[in-house]
Amino acid sequence: MPLDRQWIAGQIPHQDGMHLLDAVERWDESTITCTATSHRWETLPLRAHGRLGAACGIEYAAQAMAVHGALLCPTTGEGGAAKLGYLISVRDVVLRVSRLDDIDGDLTITAEKLAGQGSLLYRFAVLSQGCVLLDGRAALLLDANPAAAMHSPVPPAEVREEPHV
């Protein structure tokens, strides 16, 4: 079965305009690579003031991590439920471009699981045509009480912009 847009839609809660990924290109126990074209959609809900800022690439990476989790722990079908995950922190994020909507090529999203079981640490990158657009690390909390996760004290994200080339 191809790991395409339709398959992904059945694995993650992001639907309609917020379903960003088109396909899983490859994956193993610690890594995943996905592709996306949604950064060029005029109707993308993440757009603000007619543009898609580069920091929105973090959402692309978070969805790739969610798909990776679904591949590692598939549901059983009858009553089985996928683990809910919450993005609780991003660190060392470097934005190498200011926006994504003016990128002509498709996006390639990579994520590598560095550590964890109940909470996970990933390194991620969003690229196009071999050029890194943004990268960083993300921490996720699995199977948390949704109310507790929403009120958890989380330090602010560390995002750094590099000069645009």
N, C-alpha and C. Protein backbone atom coordinates (compact mmCIF):
# COMPACT_ATOMS: atom_id res chain seq x y z
N MET A 1 0.85 -1.17 0.00
CA MET A 1 0.00 0.00 0.00
C MET A 1 0.89 1.24 0.00
N PRO A 2 0.60 2.20 -0.89
CA PRO A 2 1.41 3.43 -0.90
C PRO A 2 1.12 4.30 0.32
N LEU A 3 2.17 4.91 0.83
CA LEU A 3 2.02 5.80 1.97
C LEU A 3 1.82 7.21 1.44
N ASP A 4 0.63 7.40 0.86
CA ASP A 4 0.31 8.65 0.19
C ASP A 4 -0.59 9.53 1.06
N ARG A 5 -1.07 10.60 0.48
CA ARG A 5 -1.89 11.58 1.19
C ARG A 5 -3.11 10.92 1.85
N GLN A 6 -3.77 10.02 1.14
CA GLN A 6 -4.95 9.34 1.68
C GLN A 6 -4.58 8.47 2.88
N TRP A 7 -3.48 7.73 2.79
CA TRP A 7 -3.05 6.90 3.90
C TRP A 7 -2.71 7.78 5.10
N ILE A 8 -1.96 8.86 4.88
CA ILE A 8 -1.57 9.76 5.96
C ILE A 8 -2.81 10.32 6.66
N ALA A 9 -3.84 10.68 5.89
CA ALA A 9 -5.07 11.24 6.47
C ALA A 9 -5.72 10.29 7.47
N GLY A 10 -5.54 9.02 7.29
CA GLY A 10 -6.10 8.03 8.22
C GLY A 10 -5.26 7.82 9.46
N GLN A 11 -4.08 8.44 9.51
CA GLN A 11 -3.15 8.20 10.61
C GLN A 11 -3.01 9.36 11.58
N ILE A 12 -3.26 10.58 11.12
CA ILE A 12 -3.03 11.75 11.96
C ILE A 12 -4.32 12.57 12.07
N PRO A 13 -4.45 13.36 13.12
CA PRO A 13 -5.69 14.13 13.29
C PRO A 13 -5.81 15.34 12.36
N HIS A 14 -4.77 15.75 11.72
CA HIS A 14 -4.79 16.93 10.85
C HIS A 14 -5.57 16.61 9.58
N GLN A 15 -6.64 17.36 9.33
CA GLN A 15 -7.49 17.08 8.18
C GLN A 15 -7.71 18.34 7.35
N ASP A 16 -8.29 18.14 6.21
CA ASP A 16 -8.65 19.21 5.28
C ASP A 16 -7.45 20.11 5.01
N GLY A 17 -7.59 21.42 5.18
CA GLY A 17 -6.53 22.35 4.85
C GLY A 17 -5.31 22.27 5.74
N MET A 18 -5.44 21.64 6.91
CA MET A 18 -4.29 21.52 7.82
C MET A 18 -3.53 20.21 7.64
N HIS A 19 -3.98 19.36 6.73
CA HIS A 19 -3.24 18.15 6.38
C HIS A 19 -2.20 18.57 5.35
N LEU A 20 -0.94 18.66 5.76
CA LEU A 20 0.10 19.29 4.96
C LEU A 20 0.93 18.34 4.10
N LEU A 21 1.02 17.09 4.47
CA LEU A 21 1.95 16.16 3.82
C LEU A 21 1.30 15.40 2.67
N ASP A 22 2.09 15.15 1.61
CA ASP A 22 1.60 14.40 0.45
C ASP A 22 1.97 12.93 0.49
N ALA A 23 3.15 12.60 0.99
CA ALA A 23 3.60 11.21 0.94
C ALA A 23 4.76 10.97 1.89
N VAL A 24 4.90 9.71 2.27
CA VAL A 24 6.09 9.24 2.99
C VAL A 24 6.98 8.61 1.94
N GLU A 25 8.17 9.13 1.79
CA GLU A 25 9.11 8.61 0.80
C GLU A 25 9.88 7.41 1.34
N ARG A 26 10.31 7.50 2.61
CA ARG A 26 11.02 6.39 3.25
C ARG A 26 10.98 6.58 4.76
N TRP A 27 11.13 5.47 5.45
CA TRP A 27 11.16 5.51 6.90
C TRP A 27 11.81 4.24 7.44
N ASP A 28 12.33 4.34 8.65
CA ASP A 28 12.82 3.19 9.39
C ASP A 28 12.55 3.45 10.87
N GLU A 29 13.16 2.70 11.75
CA GLU A 29 12.91 2.82 13.19
C GLU A 29 13.23 4.21 13.75
N SER A 30 14.18 4.91 13.15
CA SER A 30 14.59 6.19 13.73
C SER A 30 14.38 7.40 12.81
N THR A 31 14.06 7.19 11.54
CA THR A 31 13.95 8.33 10.63
C THR A 31 12.72 8.25 9.74
N ILE A 32 12.31 9.40 9.24
CA ILE A 32 11.24 9.47 8.25
C ILE A 32 11.55 10.62 7.29
N THR A 33 11.17 10.44 6.04
CA THR A 33 11.27 11.49 5.03
C THR A 33 9.93 11.58 4.32
N CYS A 34 9.34 12.78 4.33
CA CYS A 34 8.04 13.02 3.70
C CYS A 34 8.19 14.14 2.67
N THR A 35 7.19 14.24 1.79
CA THR A 35 7.16 15.33 0.82
C THR A 35 5.85 16.10 0.96
N ALA A 36 5.89 17.36 0.52
CA ALA A 36 4.70 18.20 0.59
C ALA A 36 4.73 19.24 -0.52
N THR A 37 3.54 19.59 -0.99
CA THR A 37 3.37 20.66 -1.97
C THR A 37 2.42 21.74 -1.44
N SER A 38 1.86 21.53 -0.27
CA SER A 38 0.84 22.43 0.28
C SER A 38 1.34 23.83 0.58
N HIS A 39 2.65 24.02 0.66
CA HIS A 39 3.18 25.36 0.92
C HIS A 39 2.83 26.34 -0.19
N ARG A 40 2.42 25.84 -1.34
CA ARG A 40 2.06 26.71 -2.46
C ARG A 40 0.55 26.98 -2.54
N TRP A 41 -0.24 26.35 -1.65
CA TRP A 41 -1.70 26.55 -1.68
C TRP A 41 -2.04 27.96 -1.24
N GLU A 42 -2.82 28.64 -2.03
CA GLU A 42 -3.28 29.99 -1.67
C GLU A 42 -4.23 29.95 -0.47
N THR A 43 -4.91 28.82 -0.27
CA THR A 43 -5.92 28.70 0.79
C THR A 43 -5.38 28.07 2.07
N LEU A 44 -4.10 27.86 2.16
CA LEU A 44 -3.52 27.21 3.34
C LEU A 44 -3.82 28.04 4.61
N PRO A 45 -4.45 27.44 5.62
CA PRO A 45 -4.81 28.19 6.83
C PRO A 45 -3.62 28.78 7.59
N LEU A 46 -2.44 28.27 7.40
CA LEU A 46 -1.25 28.79 8.08
C LEU A 46 -0.77 30.13 7.51
N ARG A 47 -1.27 30.50 6.36
CA ARG A 47 -0.85 31.77 5.74
C ARG A 47 -1.35 32.95 6.57
N ALA A 48 -0.54 33.98 6.64
CA ALA A 48 -0.92 35.23 7.30
C ALA A 48 -0.47 36.38 6.41
N HIS A 49 -1.36 37.32 6.19
CA HIS A 49 -1.06 38.50 5.37
C HIS A 49 -0.55 38.11 3.99
N GLY A 50 -1.15 37.04 3.43
CA GLY A 50 -0.81 36.62 2.08
C GLY A 50 0.49 35.86 1.93
N ARG A 51 1.10 35.44 3.06
CA ARG A 51 2.38 34.73 2.96
C ARG A 51 2.44 33.59 3.97
N LEU A 52 3.34 32.67 3.73
CA LEU A 52 3.57 31.55 4.63
C LEU A 52 4.98 31.69 5.20
N GLY A 53 5.07 32.12 6.44
CA GLY A 53 6.36 32.32 7.09
C GLY A 53 7.11 31.00 7.28
N ALA A 54 8.42 31.09 7.28
CA ALA A 54 9.26 29.90 7.39
C ALA A 54 9.03 29.13 8.69
N ALA A 55 8.66 29.81 9.77
CA ALA A 55 8.43 29.12 11.04
C ALA A 55 7.29 28.11 10.93
N CYS A 56 6.42 28.26 9.94
CA CYS A 56 5.35 27.28 9.72
C CYS A 56 5.91 25.92 9.33
N GLY A 57 7.17 25.89 8.91
CA GLY A 57 7.81 24.61 8.61
C GLY A 57 7.89 23.70 9.81
N ILE A 58 7.82 24.27 11.01
CA ILE A 58 7.80 23.44 12.23
C ILE A 58 6.56 22.55 12.23
N GLU A 59 5.43 23.07 11.75
CA GLU A 59 4.21 22.25 11.67
C GLU A 59 4.38 21.12 10.67
N TYR A 60 5.05 21.37 9.56
CA TYR A 60 5.33 20.29 8.60
C TYR A 60 6.14 19.18 9.29
N ALA A 61 7.16 19.59 10.04
CA ALA A 61 8.00 18.62 10.74
C ALA A 61 7.20 17.87 11.80
N ALA A 62 6.34 18.57 12.54
CA ALA A 62 5.53 17.93 13.58
C ALA A 62 4.61 16.87 12.96
N GLN A 63 4.05 17.16 11.80
CA GLN A 63 3.19 16.17 11.15
C GLN A 63 4.00 14.97 10.67
N ALA A 64 5.22 15.20 10.20
CA ALA A 64 6.08 14.07 9.82
C ALA A 64 6.39 13.20 11.03
N MET A 65 6.62 13.82 12.19
CA MET A 65 6.88 13.07 13.42
C MET A 65 5.64 12.27 13.82
N ALA A 66 4.45 12.85 13.65
CA ALA A 66 3.21 12.14 13.97
C ALA A 66 3.04 10.92 13.06
N VAL A 67 3.34 11.09 11.80
CA VAL A 67 3.26 9.96 10.86
C VAL A 67 4.28 8.89 11.24
N HIS A 68 5.48 9.32 11.63
CA HIS A 68 6.50 8.36 12.06
C HIS A 68 5.99 7.55 13.24
N GLY A 69 5.37 8.22 14.20
CA GLY A 69 4.80 7.51 15.34
C GLY A 69 3.74 6.52 14.93
N ALA A 70 2.91 6.87 13.97
CA ALA A 70 1.87 5.96 13.48
C ALA A 70 2.48 4.75 12.79
N LEU A 71 3.59 4.95 12.09
CA LEU A 71 4.26 3.83 11.43
C LEU A 71 4.93 2.90 12.44
N LEU A 72 5.46 3.47 13.52
CA LEU A 72 6.12 2.65 14.53
C LEU A 72 5.14 1.91 15.42
N CYS A 73 3.97 2.50 15.66
CA CYS A 73 2.96 1.90 16.54
C CYS A 73 1.61 1.91 15.86
N PRO A 74 1.42 1.07 14.84
CA PRO A 74 0.13 1.09 14.14
C PRO A 74 -1.01 0.64 15.06
N THR A 75 -2.20 1.15 14.77
CA THR A 75 -3.37 0.76 15.55
C THR A 75 -3.75 -0.67 15.18
N THR A 76 -4.48 -1.30 16.06
CA THR A 76 -4.88 -2.68 15.85
C THR A 76 -6.13 -2.80 15.01
N GLY A 77 -6.82 -1.71 14.75
CA GLY A 77 -8.03 -1.76 13.94
C GLY A 77 -9.28 -1.79 14.79
N GLU A 78 -9.43 -2.78 15.67
CA GLU A 78 -10.63 -2.89 16.49
C GLU A 78 -10.38 -2.28 17.86
N GLY A 79 -10.83 -1.06 18.03
CA GLY A 79 -10.70 -0.40 19.32
C GLY A 79 -9.31 0.14 19.60
N GLY A 80 -8.35 -0.16 18.73
CA GLY A 80 -7.00 0.36 18.93
C GLY A 80 -6.96 1.83 18.58
N ALA A 81 -6.29 2.59 19.37
CA ALA A 81 -6.19 4.02 19.10
C ALA A 81 -4.73 4.42 19.06
N ALA A 82 -4.43 5.29 18.14
CA ALA A 82 -3.07 5.81 18.06
C ALA A 82 -2.79 6.66 19.28
N LYS A 83 -1.54 6.69 19.70
CA LYS A 83 -1.15 7.55 20.81
C LYS A 83 -1.26 9.00 20.39
N LEU A 84 -1.83 9.80 21.27
CA LEU A 84 -1.88 11.24 21.02
C LEU A 84 -0.53 11.84 21.38
N GLY A 85 -0.07 12.75 20.59
CA GLY A 85 1.19 13.41 20.87
C GLY A 85 1.02 14.90 20.88
N TYR A 86 1.80 15.56 21.70
CA TYR A 86 1.77 17.02 21.81
C TYR A 86 3.17 17.55 21.61
N LEU A 87 3.30 18.53 20.73
CA LEU A 87 4.56 19.22 20.55
C LEU A 87 4.74 20.14 21.74
N ILE A 88 5.73 19.87 22.59
CA ILE A 88 5.86 20.65 23.82
C ILE A 88 7.02 21.64 23.78
N SER A 89 7.94 21.47 22.83
CA SER A 89 9.08 22.37 22.80
C SER A 89 9.81 22.25 21.48
N VAL A 90 10.34 23.36 20.99
CA VAL A 90 11.28 23.33 19.88
C VAL A 90 12.53 24.08 20.33
N ARG A 91 13.66 23.62 19.87
CA ARG A 91 14.95 24.19 20.27
C ARG A 91 15.85 24.32 19.05
N ASP A 92 16.76 25.26 19.16
CA ASP A 92 17.80 25.44 18.15
C ASP A 92 17.25 25.52 16.73
N VAL A 93 16.08 26.12 16.58
CA VAL A 93 15.48 26.27 15.25
C VAL A 93 16.20 27.39 14.51
N VAL A 94 16.63 27.09 13.31
CA VAL A 94 17.28 28.08 12.46
C VAL A 94 16.44 28.22 11.19
N LEU A 95 15.94 29.44 10.95
CA LEU A 95 15.19 29.74 9.74
C LEU A 95 16.18 30.30 8.72
N ARG A 96 16.38 29.58 7.63
CA ARG A 96 17.36 29.99 6.63
C ARG A 96 16.73 30.78 5.48
N VAL A 97 15.40 30.83 5.48
CA VAL A 97 14.63 31.65 4.54
C VAL A 97 13.57 32.37 5.36
N SER A 98 12.95 33.38 4.80
CA SER A 98 11.92 34.10 5.55
C SER A 98 10.53 33.54 5.31
N ARG A 99 10.33 32.87 4.17
CA ARG A 99 9.00 32.35 3.87
C ARG A 99 9.11 31.08 3.05
N LEU A 100 7.99 30.32 3.05
CA LEU A 100 7.95 29.05 2.33
C LEU A 100 7.09 29.13 1.07
N ASP A 101 6.12 30.03 1.02
CA ASP A 101 5.20 30.07 -0.11
C ASP A 101 5.86 30.48 -1.42
N ASP A 102 7.03 31.09 -1.37
CA ASP A 102 7.71 31.46 -2.61
C ASP A 102 8.77 30.44 -3.03
N ILE A 103 8.78 29.29 -2.37
CA ILE A 103 9.67 28.19 -2.75
C ILE A 103 9.01 27.43 -3.90
N ASP A 104 9.67 27.37 -5.06
CA ASP A 104 9.07 26.73 -6.23
C ASP A 104 9.03 25.20 -6.12
N GLY A 105 10.07 24.60 -5.55
CA GLY A 105 10.14 23.15 -5.49
C GLY A 105 9.28 22.57 -4.38
N ASP A 106 9.08 21.26 -4.46
CA ASP A 106 8.38 20.56 -3.38
C ASP A 106 9.22 20.61 -2.11
N LEU A 107 8.56 20.46 -0.99
CA LEU A 107 9.27 20.40 0.29
C LEU A 107 9.60 18.95 0.62
N THR A 108 10.77 18.75 1.18
CA THR A 108 11.17 17.46 1.74
C THR A 108 11.33 17.68 3.23
N ILE A 109 10.66 16.86 4.02
CA ILE A 109 10.69 17.00 5.47
C ILE A 109 11.34 15.75 6.04
N THR A 110 12.41 15.95 6.81
CA THR A 110 13.07 14.81 7.44
C THR A 110 12.99 14.96 8.96
N ALA A 111 12.87 13.84 9.64
CA ALA A 111 12.88 13.83 11.10
C ALA A 111 13.62 12.59 11.55
N GLU A 112 14.48 12.78 12.55
CA GLU A 112 15.25 11.68 13.12
C GLU A 112 14.98 11.62 14.61
N LYS A 113 14.49 10.48 15.06
CA LYS A 113 14.23 10.29 16.49
C LYS A 113 15.57 10.09 17.20
N LEU A 114 15.85 10.98 18.14
CA LEU A 114 17.12 10.93 18.87
C LEU A 114 17.00 10.15 20.16
N ALA A 115 15.84 10.25 20.83
CA ALA A 115 15.67 9.58 22.13
C ALA A 115 14.20 9.56 22.50
N GLY A 116 13.89 8.63 23.42
CA GLY A 116 12.59 8.69 24.07
C GLY A 116 11.68 7.52 23.85
N GLN A 117 10.68 7.48 24.74
CA GLN A 117 9.58 6.52 24.66
C GLN A 117 8.27 7.23 24.96
N GLY A 118 8.08 7.70 26.21
CA GLY A 118 6.88 8.45 26.57
C GLY A 118 6.98 9.89 26.13
N SER A 119 8.19 10.40 26.13
CA SER A 119 8.46 11.70 25.51
C SER A 119 9.57 11.47 24.51
N LEU A 120 9.50 12.15 23.40
CA LEU A 120 10.42 11.91 22.30
C LEU A 120 11.19 13.17 21.94
N LEU A 121 12.40 12.99 21.49
CA LEU A 121 13.21 14.09 20.99
C LEU A 121 13.57 13.77 19.55
N TYR A 122 13.27 14.72 18.66
CA TYR A 122 13.56 14.58 17.24
C TYR A 122 14.45 15.72 16.76
N ARG A 123 15.27 15.44 15.78
CA ARG A 123 15.95 16.47 15.00
C ARG A 123 15.18 16.51 13.67
N PHE A 124 14.92 17.71 13.15
CA PHE A 124 14.16 17.82 11.91
C PHE A 124 14.78 18.85 10.97
N ALA A 125 14.40 18.72 9.71
CA ALA A 125 14.80 19.69 8.69
C ALA A 125 13.72 19.75 7.62
N VAL A 126 13.53 20.94 7.08
CA VAL A 126 12.66 21.12 5.92
C VAL A 126 13.56 21.64 4.80
N LEU A 127 13.53 20.94 3.68
CA LEU A 127 14.42 21.25 2.56
C LEU A 127 13.61 21.41 1.28
N SER A 128 14.23 22.01 0.29
CA SER A 128 13.68 22.02 -1.06
C SER A 128 14.85 22.00 -2.03
N GLN A 129 14.79 21.09 -2.95
CA GLN A 129 15.82 20.94 -3.98
C GLN A 129 17.22 20.88 -3.35
N GLY A 130 17.33 20.16 -2.24
CA GLY A 130 18.61 19.94 -1.58
C GLY A 130 19.07 21.06 -0.67
N CYS A 131 18.35 22.18 -0.61
CA CYS A 131 18.73 23.30 0.26
C CYS A 131 17.91 23.27 1.54
N VAL A 132 18.59 23.37 2.68
CA VAL A 132 17.90 23.40 3.97
C VAL A 132 17.23 24.76 4.14
N LEU A 133 15.91 24.74 4.39
CA LEU A 133 15.13 25.96 4.59
C LEU A 133 15.02 26.30 6.07
N LEU A 134 14.88 25.28 6.91
CA LEU A 134 14.89 25.43 8.36
C LEU A 134 15.21 24.09 8.98
N ASP A 135 15.74 24.14 10.20
CA ASP A 135 16.03 22.91 10.92
C ASP A 135 16.03 23.20 12.41
N GLY A 136 16.01 22.14 13.21
CA GLY A 136 16.01 22.29 14.65
C GLY A 136 15.72 20.98 15.34
N ARG A 137 15.33 21.08 16.60
CA ARG A 137 14.95 19.91 17.40
C ARG A 137 13.57 20.14 17.98
N ALA A 138 12.85 19.06 18.22
CA ALA A 138 11.51 19.16 18.79
C ALA A 138 11.32 18.07 19.84
N ALA A 139 10.62 18.42 20.92
CA ALA A 139 10.25 17.44 21.95
C ALA A 139 8.75 17.22 21.88
N LEU A 140 8.34 15.96 21.96
CA LEU A 140 6.94 15.60 21.94
C LEU A 140 6.61 14.80 23.18
N LEU A 141 5.40 14.96 23.67
CA LEU A 141 4.91 14.21 24.81
C LEU A 141 3.79 13.31 24.31
N LEU A 142 3.90 12.01 24.56
CA LEU A 142 2.90 11.05 24.10
C LEU A 142 1.94 10.67 25.22
N ASP A 143 0.69 10.42 24.81
CA ASP A 143 -0.35 9.93 25.72
C ASP A 143 -0.52 10.78 26.97
N ALA A 144 -0.41 12.07 26.83
CA ALA A 144 -0.58 12.96 27.98
C ALA A 144 -2.05 13.28 28.16
N ASN A 145 -2.41 13.65 29.37
CA ASN A 145 -3.72 14.20 29.64
C ASN A 145 -3.78 15.52 28.87
N PRO A 146 -4.74 15.68 27.92
CA PRO A 146 -4.78 16.90 27.11
C PRO A 146 -4.82 18.18 27.94
N ALA A 147 -5.56 18.19 29.04
CA ALA A 147 -5.65 19.39 29.87
C ALA A 147 -4.30 19.69 30.50
N ALA A 148 -3.62 18.66 30.97
CA ALA A 148 -2.31 18.86 31.61
C ALA A 148 -1.29 19.34 30.58
N ALA A 149 -1.34 18.78 29.36
CA ALA A 149 -0.39 19.18 28.34
C ALA A 149 -0.57 20.64 27.95
N MET A 150 -1.82 21.10 27.94
CA MET A 150 -2.09 22.48 27.56
C MET A 150 -1.62 23.46 28.62
N HIS A 151 -1.55 23.03 29.89
CA HIS A 151 -1.17 23.93 30.97
C HIS A 151 0.23 23.67 31.49
N SER A 152 0.97 22.79 30.81
CA SER A 152 2.32 22.47 31.22
C SER A 152 3.23 23.68 31.00
N PRO A 153 4.10 23.98 31.98
CA PRO A 153 5.02 25.10 31.78
C PRO A 153 6.08 24.71 30.75
N VAL A 154 6.02 25.32 29.60
CA VAL A 154 6.95 25.02 28.53
C VAL A 154 7.77 26.27 28.26
N PRO A 155 9.09 26.14 28.25
CA PRO A 155 9.91 27.31 27.95
C PRO A 155 9.64 27.78 26.52
N PRO A 156 9.86 29.04 26.24
CA PRO A 156 9.60 29.55 24.90
C PRO A 156 10.50 28.89 23.87
N ALA A 157 10.00 28.83 22.65
CA ALA A 157 10.77 28.25 21.56
C ALA A 157 12.00 29.11 21.28
N GLU A 158 13.07 28.43 20.92
CA GLU A 158 14.29 29.14 20.54
C GLU A 158 14.37 29.13 19.02
N VAL A 159 14.14 30.26 18.40
CA VAL A 159 14.16 30.38 16.95
C VAL A 159 15.17 31.45 16.57
N ARG A 160 16.00 31.14 15.62
CA ARG A 160 17.03 32.08 15.18
C ARG A 160 16.94 32.19 13.65
N GLU A 161 16.96 33.40 13.14
CA GLU A 161 16.97 33.60 11.70
C GLU A 161 18.39 33.85 11.25
N GLU A 162 18.77 33.19 10.16
CA GLU A 162 20.08 33.44 9.57
C GLU A 162 19.90 34.40 8.41
N PRO A 163 20.96 35.09 8.02
CA PRO A 163 20.86 35.97 6.85
C PRO A 163 20.39 35.18 5.64
N HIS A 164 19.50 35.76 4.88
CA HIS A 164 18.94 35.07 3.72
C HIS A 164 19.89 35.19 2.54
N VAL A 165 20.08 34.04 1.91
CA VAL A 165 20.97 34.00 0.75
C VAL A 165 20.21 33.77 -0.51
